[in-house]
Amino acid sequence: MPDTLLQVVQRLARKVRIDSSFSSFSESDETLDLVGYVNDAYQDLIDALPNDLPMLLNTSKSITLSNGTRLYSLDINAHQWSLLQWSFTDISNGVTPLALISLEQLQTIYPGYTTDTGKPNFVYYEGVEQVGFYPIPNRDGLVTYKFTQAFSRLLNPGDTFMVPDAWLRYIEDQAKYYYELAKGFTEAMPANERLMGILAEAELMIPHYFS
């Protein structure tokens, strides 16, 4: 079972010499403050990790292509910056990767992008919530895409982290740093060395499909 928020906060409490016998978080002591420091450190880690780390690609959606239709709406939770992997499933020829291209490049290279039809080779953003395909699909098909899980702060004792338990040591040490900063400790040190080790490990976990 993965470590919970409660377990991480309890370990942090021991690091900063606070009673760790609590089983919930309260405003009457420092436990809610510790939860805040843990979440700040957690966000530091998520922000530092590569976006295409597989463990963050936990959301997948599909677009059903229709013959002659150029533009399609993205899922409401899929922002353009977070779309990471596309694959076009052709109903007869299996899976073919789609290349991402900007609308500006498309307009320059393929001026007939609003009328040309065929099997799509490119996907591009048009506006904030829509994507287009070039050539315009000339048959029905399916596009699947993945996007990053949005960071959300942990609140409940049983909440778990979306990173390996081994990486939680960084979160604890970085949270300890934030705690010490808040207390005015002049010798407080961020957990940069642990973070560098995690980033090196994370780089090895990324599949390189298009190298």
C-alpha atoms as a PDB file:
ATOM      1  CA  MET A   1       0.000   0.000   0.000  1.00  0.00           C
ATOM      2  CA  PRO A   2       1.341   3.480  -0.835  1.00  0.00           C
ATOM      3  CA  ASP A   3       2.195   5.846   1.979  1.00  0.00           C
ATOM      4  CA  THR A   4      -0.569   8.248   2.951  1.00  0.00           C
ATOM      5  CA  LEU A   5      -0.551  11.945   3.693  1.00  0.00           C
ATOM      6  CA  LEU A   6      -0.903  11.097   7.379  1.00  0.00           C
ATOM      7  CA  GLN A   7       2.223   8.937   7.348  1.00  0.00           C
ATOM      8  CA  VAL A   8       4.269  11.619   5.592  1.00  0.00           C
ATOM      9  CA  VAL A   9       3.077  14.343   7.965  1.00  0.00           C
ATOM     10  CA  GLN A  10       3.830  12.101  10.956  1.00  0.00           C
ATOM     11  CA  ARG A  11       7.376  11.537   9.704  1.00  0.00           C
ATOM     12  CA  LEU A  12       7.751  15.276   9.140  1.00  0.00           C
ATOM     13  CA  ALA A  13       6.530  15.900  12.693  1.00  0.00           C
ATOM     14  CA  ARG A  14       9.272  13.628  14.024  1.00  0.00           C
ATOM     15  CA  LYS A  15      11.868  15.434  11.912  1.00  0.00           C
ATOM     16  CA  VAL A  16      10.872  18.785  13.434  1.00  0.00           C
ATOM     17  CA  ARG A  17      10.402  17.282  16.924  1.00  0.00           C
ATOM     18  CA  ILE A  18       6.641  17.587  17.194  1.00  0.00           C
ATOM     19  CA  ASP A  19       4.455  14.910  18.788  1.00  0.00           C
ATOM     20  CA  SER A  20       3.609  12.505  15.955  1.00  0.00           C
ATOM     21  CA  SER A  21       0.876  10.528  17.704  1.00  0.00           C
ATOM     22  CA  PHE A  22      -1.949  12.404  15.900  1.00  0.00           C
ATOM     23  CA  SER A  23      -4.316  10.613  13.513  1.00  0.00           C
ATOM     24  CA  SER A  24      -6.005  13.687  12.019  1.00  0.00           C
ATOM     25  CA  PHE A  25      -5.154  17.317  11.285  1.00  0.00           C
ATOM     26  CA  SER A  26      -6.345  20.236  13.378  1.00  0.00           C
ATOM     27  CA  GLU A  27      -6.118  24.012  13.583  1.00  0.00           C
ATOM     28  CA  SER A  28      -5.541  23.673  17.327  1.00  0.00           C
ATOM     29  CA  ASP A  29      -1.958  22.478  16.808  1.00  0.00           C
ATOM     30  CA  GLU A  30       0.679  22.638  14.087  1.00  0.00           C
ATOM     31  CA  THR A  31      -0.533  19.636  12.101  1.00  0.00           C
ATOM     32  CA  LEU A  32      -2.428  21.695   9.516  1.00  0.00           C
ATOM     33  CA  ASP A  33       0.669  23.830   9.062  1.00  0.00           C
ATOM     34  CA  LEU A  34       2.670  20.661   8.427  1.00  0.00           C
ATOM     35  CA  VAL A  35       0.093  19.561   5.846  1.00  0.00           C
ATOM     36  CA  GLY A  36       0.587  22.880   4.078  1.00  0.00           C
ATOM     37  CA  TYR A  37       4.362  22.484   4.012  1.00  0.00           C
ATOM     38  CA  VAL A  38       4.025  18.935   2.683  1.00  0.00           C
ATOM     39  CA  ASN A  39       1.727  20.132  -0.104  1.00  0.00           C
ATOM     40  CA  ASP A  40       4.106  22.959  -0.997  1.00  0.00           C
ATOM     41  CA  ALA A  41       6.972  20.477  -1.259  1.00  0.00           C
ATOM     42  CA  TYR A  42       4.782  18.067  -3.205  1.00  0.00           C
ATOM     43  CA  GLN A  43       3.960  20.764  -5.735  1.00  0.00           C
ATOM     44  CA  ASP A  44       7.664  21.649  -6.010  1.00  0.00           C
ATOM     45  CA  LEU A  45       8.342  18.048  -6.977  1.00  0.00           C
ATOM     46  CA  ILE A  46       5.496  17.768  -9.495  1.00  0.00           C
ATOM     47  CA  ASP A  47       6.491  21.077 -11.098  1.00  0.00           C
ATOM     48  CA  ALA A  48      10.088  19.883 -11.455  1.00  0.00           C
ATOM     49  CA  LEU A  49       9.284  16.481 -12.985  1.00  0.00           C
ATOM     50  CA  PRO A  50       9.178  16.027 -16.775  1.00  0.00           C
ATOM     51  CA  ASN A  51       5.620  16.375 -18.074  1.00  0.00           C
ATOM     52  CA  ASP A  52       5.827  13.135 -20.037  1.00  0.00           C
ATOM     53  CA  LEU A  53       6.660  10.986 -17.039  1.00  0.00           C
ATOM     54  CA  PRO A  54       4.389   7.940 -17.415  1.00  0.00           C
ATOM     55  CA  MET A  55       3.031   8.086 -13.863  1.00  0.00           C
ATOM     56  CA  LEU A  56       1.591  11.539 -14.581  1.00  0.00           C
ATOM     57  CA  LEU A  57      -0.125  10.408 -17.789  1.00  0.00           C
ATOM     58  CA  ASN A  58      -3.085   8.870 -16.071  1.00  0.00           C
ATOM     59  CA  THR A  59      -5.855  10.498 -18.050  1.00  0.00           C
ATOM     60  CA  SER A  60      -6.804   9.279 -21.503  1.00  0.00           C
ATOM     61  CA  LYS A  61      -9.608  10.426 -23.774  1.00  0.00           C
ATOM     62  CA  SER A  62     -10.712   9.762 -27.321  1.00  0.00           C
ATOM     63  CA  ILE A  63     -12.084  11.709 -30.274  1.00  0.00           C
ATOM     64  CA  THR A  64     -14.296   9.970 -32.795  1.00  0.00           C
ATOM     65  CA  LEU A  65     -13.410  11.213 -36.254  1.00  0.00           C
ATOM     66  CA  SER A  66     -16.178  11.740 -38.765  1.00  0.00           C
ATOM     67  CA  ASN A  67     -15.788  11.759 -42.516  1.00  0.00           C
ATOM     68  CA  GLY A  68     -15.434  15.375 -43.689  1.00  0.00           C
ATOM     69  CA  THR A  69     -15.219  16.984 -40.236  1.00  0.00           C
ATOM     70  CA  ARG A  70     -12.093  19.108 -39.640  1.00  0.00           C
ATOM     71  CA  LEU A  71     -12.435  20.447 -36.065  1.00  0.00           C
ATOM     72  CA  TYR A  72     -13.169  18.601 -32.810  1.00  0.00           C
ATOM     73  CA  SER A  73     -13.519  19.642 -29.185  1.00  0.00           C
ATOM     74  CA  LEU A  74     -11.082  18.524 -26.498  1.00  0.00           C
ATOM     75  CA  ASP A  75     -12.179  17.153 -23.156  1.00  0.00           C
ATOM     76  CA  ILE A  76     -12.978  20.019 -20.788  1.00  0.00           C
ATOM     77  CA  ASN A  77     -10.073  19.015 -18.511  1.00  0.00           C
ATOM     78  CA  ALA A  78      -7.488  18.706 -21.289  1.00  0.00           C
ATOM     79  CA  HIS A  79      -5.610  21.952 -21.700  1.00  0.00           C
ATOM     80  CA  GLN A  80      -3.407  22.460 -24.732  1.00  0.00           C
ATOM     81  CA  TRP A  81      -0.262  22.712 -22.631  1.00  0.00           C
ATOM     82  CA  SER A  82      -0.936  19.332 -21.041  1.00  0.00           C
ATOM     83  CA  LEU A  83      -1.580  17.218 -24.155  1.00  0.00           C
ATOM     84  CA  LEU A  84       1.337  14.869 -24.460  1.00  0.00           C
ATOM     85  CA  GLN A  85       0.665  11.866 -26.608  1.00  0.00           C
ATOM     86  CA  TRP A  86      -1.542  11.298 -29.631  1.00  0.00           C
ATOM     87  CA  SER A  87      -2.237   8.135 -31.584  1.00  0.00           C
ATOM     88  CA  PHE A  88      -4.542   7.727 -34.557  1.00  0.00           C
ATOM     89  CA  THR A  89      -6.255   4.353 -34.800  1.00  0.00           C
ATOM     90  CA  ASP A  90      -7.198   3.724 -38.413  1.00  0.00           C
ATOM     91  CA  ILE A  91     -10.082   1.306 -38.799  1.00  0.00           C
ATOM     92  CA  SER A  92      -8.235  -0.710 -41.456  1.00  0.00           C
ATOM     93  CA  ASN A  93      -4.503  -0.111 -41.132  1.00  0.00           C
ATOM     94  CA  GLY A  94      -3.819  -0.217 -37.405  1.00  0.00           C
ATOM     95  CA  VAL A  95      -2.111   2.513 -35.377  1.00  0.00           C
ATOM     96  CA  THR A  96      -0.252   5.417 -36.980  1.00  0.00           C
ATOM     97  CA  PRO A  97       1.247   8.258 -34.903  1.00  0.00           C
ATOM     98  CA  LEU A  98      -0.019  11.750 -35.557  1.00  0.00           C
ATOM     99  CA  ALA A  99       2.478  14.599 -35.675  1.00  0.00           C
ATOM    100  CA  LEU A 100       1.688  17.844 -33.859  1.00  0.00           C
ATOM    101  CA  ILE A 101       1.960  20.943 -36.030  1.00  0.00           C
ATOM    102  CA  SER A 102       1.142  24.586 -35.353  1.00  0.00           C
ATOM    103  CA  LEU A 103      -1.718  26.224 -37.232  1.00  0.00           C
ATOM    104  CA  GLU A 104       0.732  28.793 -38.625  1.00  0.00           C
ATOM    105  CA  GLN A 105       2.996  26.078 -40.051  1.00  0.00           C
ATOM    106  CA  LEU A 106       0.018  24.232 -41.463  1.00  0.00           C
ATOM    107  CA  GLN A 107      -1.327  27.327 -43.217  1.00  0.00           C
ATOM    108  CA  THR A 108       2.073  27.955 -44.794  1.00  0.00           C
ATOM    109  CA  ILE A 109       2.861  24.393 -45.886  1.00  0.00           C
ATOM    110  CA  TYR A 110      -0.656  23.192 -46.681  1.00  0.00           C
ATOM    111  CA  PRO A 111      -2.779  26.186 -47.786  1.00  0.00           C
ATOM    112  CA  GLY A 112      -5.619  23.807 -48.634  1.00  0.00           C
ATOM    113  CA  TYR A 113      -5.885  22.583 -45.047  1.00  0.00           C
ATOM    114  CA  THR A 114      -9.579  23.556 -44.838  1.00  0.00           C
ATOM    115  CA  THR A 115     -10.524  21.490 -47.895  1.00  0.00           C
ATOM    116  CA  ASP A 116      -7.936  18.723 -48.430  1.00  0.00           C
ATOM    117  CA  THR A 117      -9.176  15.298 -47.373  1.00  0.00           C
ATOM    118  CA  GLY A 118      -7.473  11.968 -46.726  1.00  0.00           C
ATOM    119  CA  LYS A 119      -5.986   9.965 -43.885  1.00  0.00           C
ATOM    120  CA  PRO A 120      -4.864  12.457 -41.177  1.00  0.00           C
ATOM    121  CA  ASN A 121      -1.126  12.869 -40.635  1.00  0.00           C
ATOM    122  CA  PHE A 122      -1.176  15.998 -38.463  1.00  0.00           C
ATOM    123  CA  VAL A 123      -3.091  17.377 -35.512  1.00  0.00           C
ATOM    124  CA  TYR A 124      -3.100  21.073 -34.644  1.00  0.00           C
ATOM    125  CA  TYR A 125      -4.703  23.430 -32.148  1.00  0.00           C
ATOM    126  CA  GLU A 126      -7.273  25.925 -33.372  1.00  0.00           C
ATOM    127  CA  GLY A 127      -8.537  28.223 -30.681  1.00  0.00           C
ATOM    128  CA  VAL A 128      -8.455  27.257 -27.020  1.00  0.00           C
ATOM    129  CA  GLU A 129     -10.532  24.094 -26.865  1.00  0.00           C
ATOM    130  CA  GLN A 130     -10.457  22.641 -30.376  1.00  0.00           C
ATOM    131  CA  VAL A 131      -8.092  20.582 -32.477  1.00  0.00           C
ATOM    132  CA  GLY A 132      -8.083  20.029 -36.204  1.00  0.00           C
ATOM    133  CA  PHE A 133      -6.752  17.215 -38.337  1.00  0.00           C
ATOM    134  CA  TYR A 134      -4.914  17.390 -41.640  1.00  0.00           C
ATOM    135  CA  PRO A 135      -5.891  16.115 -44.079  1.00  0.00           C
ATOM    136  CA  ILE A 136      -9.534  16.323 -43.068  1.00  0.00           C
ATOM    137  CA  PRO A 137     -10.583  12.730 -42.323  1.00  0.00           C
ATOM    138  CA  ASN A 138     -12.149  10.981 -45.303  1.00  0.00           C
ATOM    139  CA  ARG A 139     -13.426   8.104 -43.185  1.00  0.00           C
ATOM    140  CA  ASP A 140     -14.519   7.489 -39.619  1.00  0.00           C
ATOM    141  CA  GLY A 141     -11.796   6.666 -37.114  1.00  0.00           C
ATOM    142  CA  LEU A 142     -10.573   7.176 -33.570  1.00  0.00           C
ATOM    143  CA  VAL A 143      -7.935   9.410 -32.012  1.00  0.00           C
ATOM    144  CA  THR A 144      -6.788   8.750 -28.470  1.00  0.00           C
ATOM    145  CA  TYR A 145      -4.799  11.257 -26.453  1.00  0.00           C
ATOM    146  CA  LYS A 146      -3.317  11.496 -23.002  1.00  0.00           C
ATOM    147  CA  PHE A 147      -2.844  14.543 -20.815  1.00  0.00           C
ATOM    148  CA  THR A 148      -1.168  15.240 -17.528  1.00  0.00           C
ATOM    149  CA  GLN A 149      -2.951  14.815 -14.260  1.00  0.00           C
ATOM    150  CA  ALA A 150      -3.530  18.219 -12.726  1.00  0.00           C
ATOM    151  CA  PHE A 151      -1.842  18.768  -9.378  1.00  0.00           C
ATOM    152  CA  SER A 152      -4.259  18.896  -6.476  1.00  0.00           C
ATOM    153  CA  ARG A 153      -3.389  19.504  -2.847  1.00  0.00           C
ATOM    154  CA  LEU A 154      -3.852  16.617  -0.453  1.00  0.00           C
ATOM    155  CA  LEU A 155      -6.201  17.270   2.468  1.00  0.00           C
ATOM    156  CA  ASN A 156      -7.343  14.024   4.068  1.00  0.00           C
ATOM    157  CA  PRO A 157      -5.156  11.721   6.181  1.00  0.00           C
ATOM    158  CA  GLY A 158      -5.752   8.811   3.795  1.00  0.00           C
ATOM    159  CA  ASP A 159      -4.881  10.720   0.608  1.00  0.00           C
ATOM    160  CA  THR A 160      -1.980   9.285  -1.366  1.00  0.00           C
ATOM    161  CA  PHE A 161       0.676  10.760  -3.637  1.00  0.00           C
ATOM    162  CA  MET A 162       1.051  10.099  -7.369  1.00  0.00           C
ATOM    163  CA  VAL A 163       4.804   9.527  -7.071  1.00  0.00           C
ATOM    164  CA  PRO A 164       6.779   6.529  -5.776  1.00  0.00           C
ATOM    165  CA  ASP A 165       7.101   6.223  -2.007  1.00  0.00           C
ATOM    166  CA  ALA A 166      10.886   6.483  -2.330  1.00  0.00           C
ATOM    167  CA  TRP A 167      10.462  10.049  -3.586  1.00  0.00           C
ATOM    168  CA  LEU A 168       8.463  11.076  -0.533  1.00  0.00           C
ATOM    169  CA  ARG A 169      11.711  11.560   1.384  1.00  0.00           C
ATOM    170  CA  TYR A 170      12.310  14.631  -0.735  1.00  0.00           C
ATOM    171  CA  ILE A 171       8.842  15.938   0.114  1.00  0.00           C
ATOM    172  CA  GLU A 172       9.512  15.414   3.831  1.00  0.00           C
ATOM    173  CA  ASP A 173      12.915  17.120   3.722  1.00  0.00           C
ATOM    174  CA  GLN A 174      11.650  20.011   1.614  1.00  0.00           C
ATOM    175  CA  ALA A 175       8.625  20.401   3.920  1.00  0.00           C
ATOM    176  CA  LYS A 176      11.035  20.471   6.858  1.00  0.00           C
ATOM    177  CA  TYR A 177      12.882  23.279   5.085  1.00  0.00           C
ATOM    178  CA  TYR A 178       9.652  25.272   4.729  1.00  0.00           C
ATOM    179  CA  TYR A 179       8.827  24.656   8.388  1.00  0.00           C
ATOM    180  CA  GLU A 180      12.256  25.896   9.466  1.00  0.00           C
ATOM    181  CA  LEU A 181      11.995  28.955   7.234  1.00  0.00           C
ATOM    182  CA  ALA A 182       8.666  29.815   8.839  1.00  0.00           C
ATOM    183  CA  LYS A 183      10.281  29.481  12.259  1.00  0.00           C
ATOM    184  CA  GLY A 184      13.111  31.783  11.248  1.00  0.00           C
ATOM    185  CA  PHE A 185      15.872  29.177  11.344  1.00  0.00           C
ATOM    186  CA  THR A 186      18.794  30.755   9.500  1.00  0.00           C
ATOM    187  CA  GLU A 187      20.446  27.424   8.711  1.00  0.00           C
ATOM    188  CA  ALA A 188      17.427  25.945   6.885  1.00  0.00           C
ATOM    189  CA  MET A 189      18.487  24.186   3.682  1.00  0.00           C
ATOM    190  CA  PRO A 190      16.292  23.092   0.744  1.00  0.00           C
ATOM    191  CA  ALA A 191      16.428  19.437  -0.278  1.00  0.00           C
ATOM    192  CA  ASN A 192      18.069  20.161  -3.635  1.00  0.00           C
ATOM    193  CA  GLU A 193      20.348  17.130  -3.612  1.00  0.00           C
ATOM    194  CA  ARG A 194      17.423  14.725  -3.191  1.00  0.00           C
ATOM    195  CA  LEU A 195      15.547  16.515  -5.962  1.00  0.00           C
ATOM    196  CA  MET A 196      18.456  16.180  -8.394  1.00  0.00           C
ATOM    197  CA  GLY A 197      18.578  12.452  -7.712  1.00  0.00           C
ATOM    198  CA  ILE A 198      14.850  12.103  -8.379  1.00  0.00           C
ATOM    199  CA  LEU A 199      15.067  14.045 -11.640  1.00  0.00           C
ATOM    200  CA  ALA A 200      17.907  11.827 -12.846  1.00  0.00           C
ATOM    201  CA  GLU A 201      15.835   8.752 -12.006  1.00  0.00           C
ATOM    202  CA  ALA A 202      12.741  10.220 -13.655  1.00  0.00           C
ATOM    203  CA  GLU A 203      14.610  10.844 -16.897  1.00  0.00           C
ATOM    204  CA  LEU A 204      15.353   7.133 -17.168  1.00  0.00           C
ATOM    205  CA  MET A 205      11.653   6.327 -16.783  1.00  0.00           C
ATOM    206  CA  ILE A 206      10.529   8.335 -19.822  1.00  0.00           C
ATOM    207  CA  PRO A 207       9.857   6.264 -22.957  1.00  0.00           C
ATOM    208  CA  HIS A 208      11.433   7.877 -26.023  1.00  0.00           C
ATOM    209  CA  TYR A 209       9.001   6.968 -28.779  1.00  0.00           C
ATOM    210  CA  PHE A 210      10.189   9.366 -31.439  1.00  0.00           C
ATOM    211  CA  SER A 211      13.955   9.326 -31.030  1.00  0.00           C
END
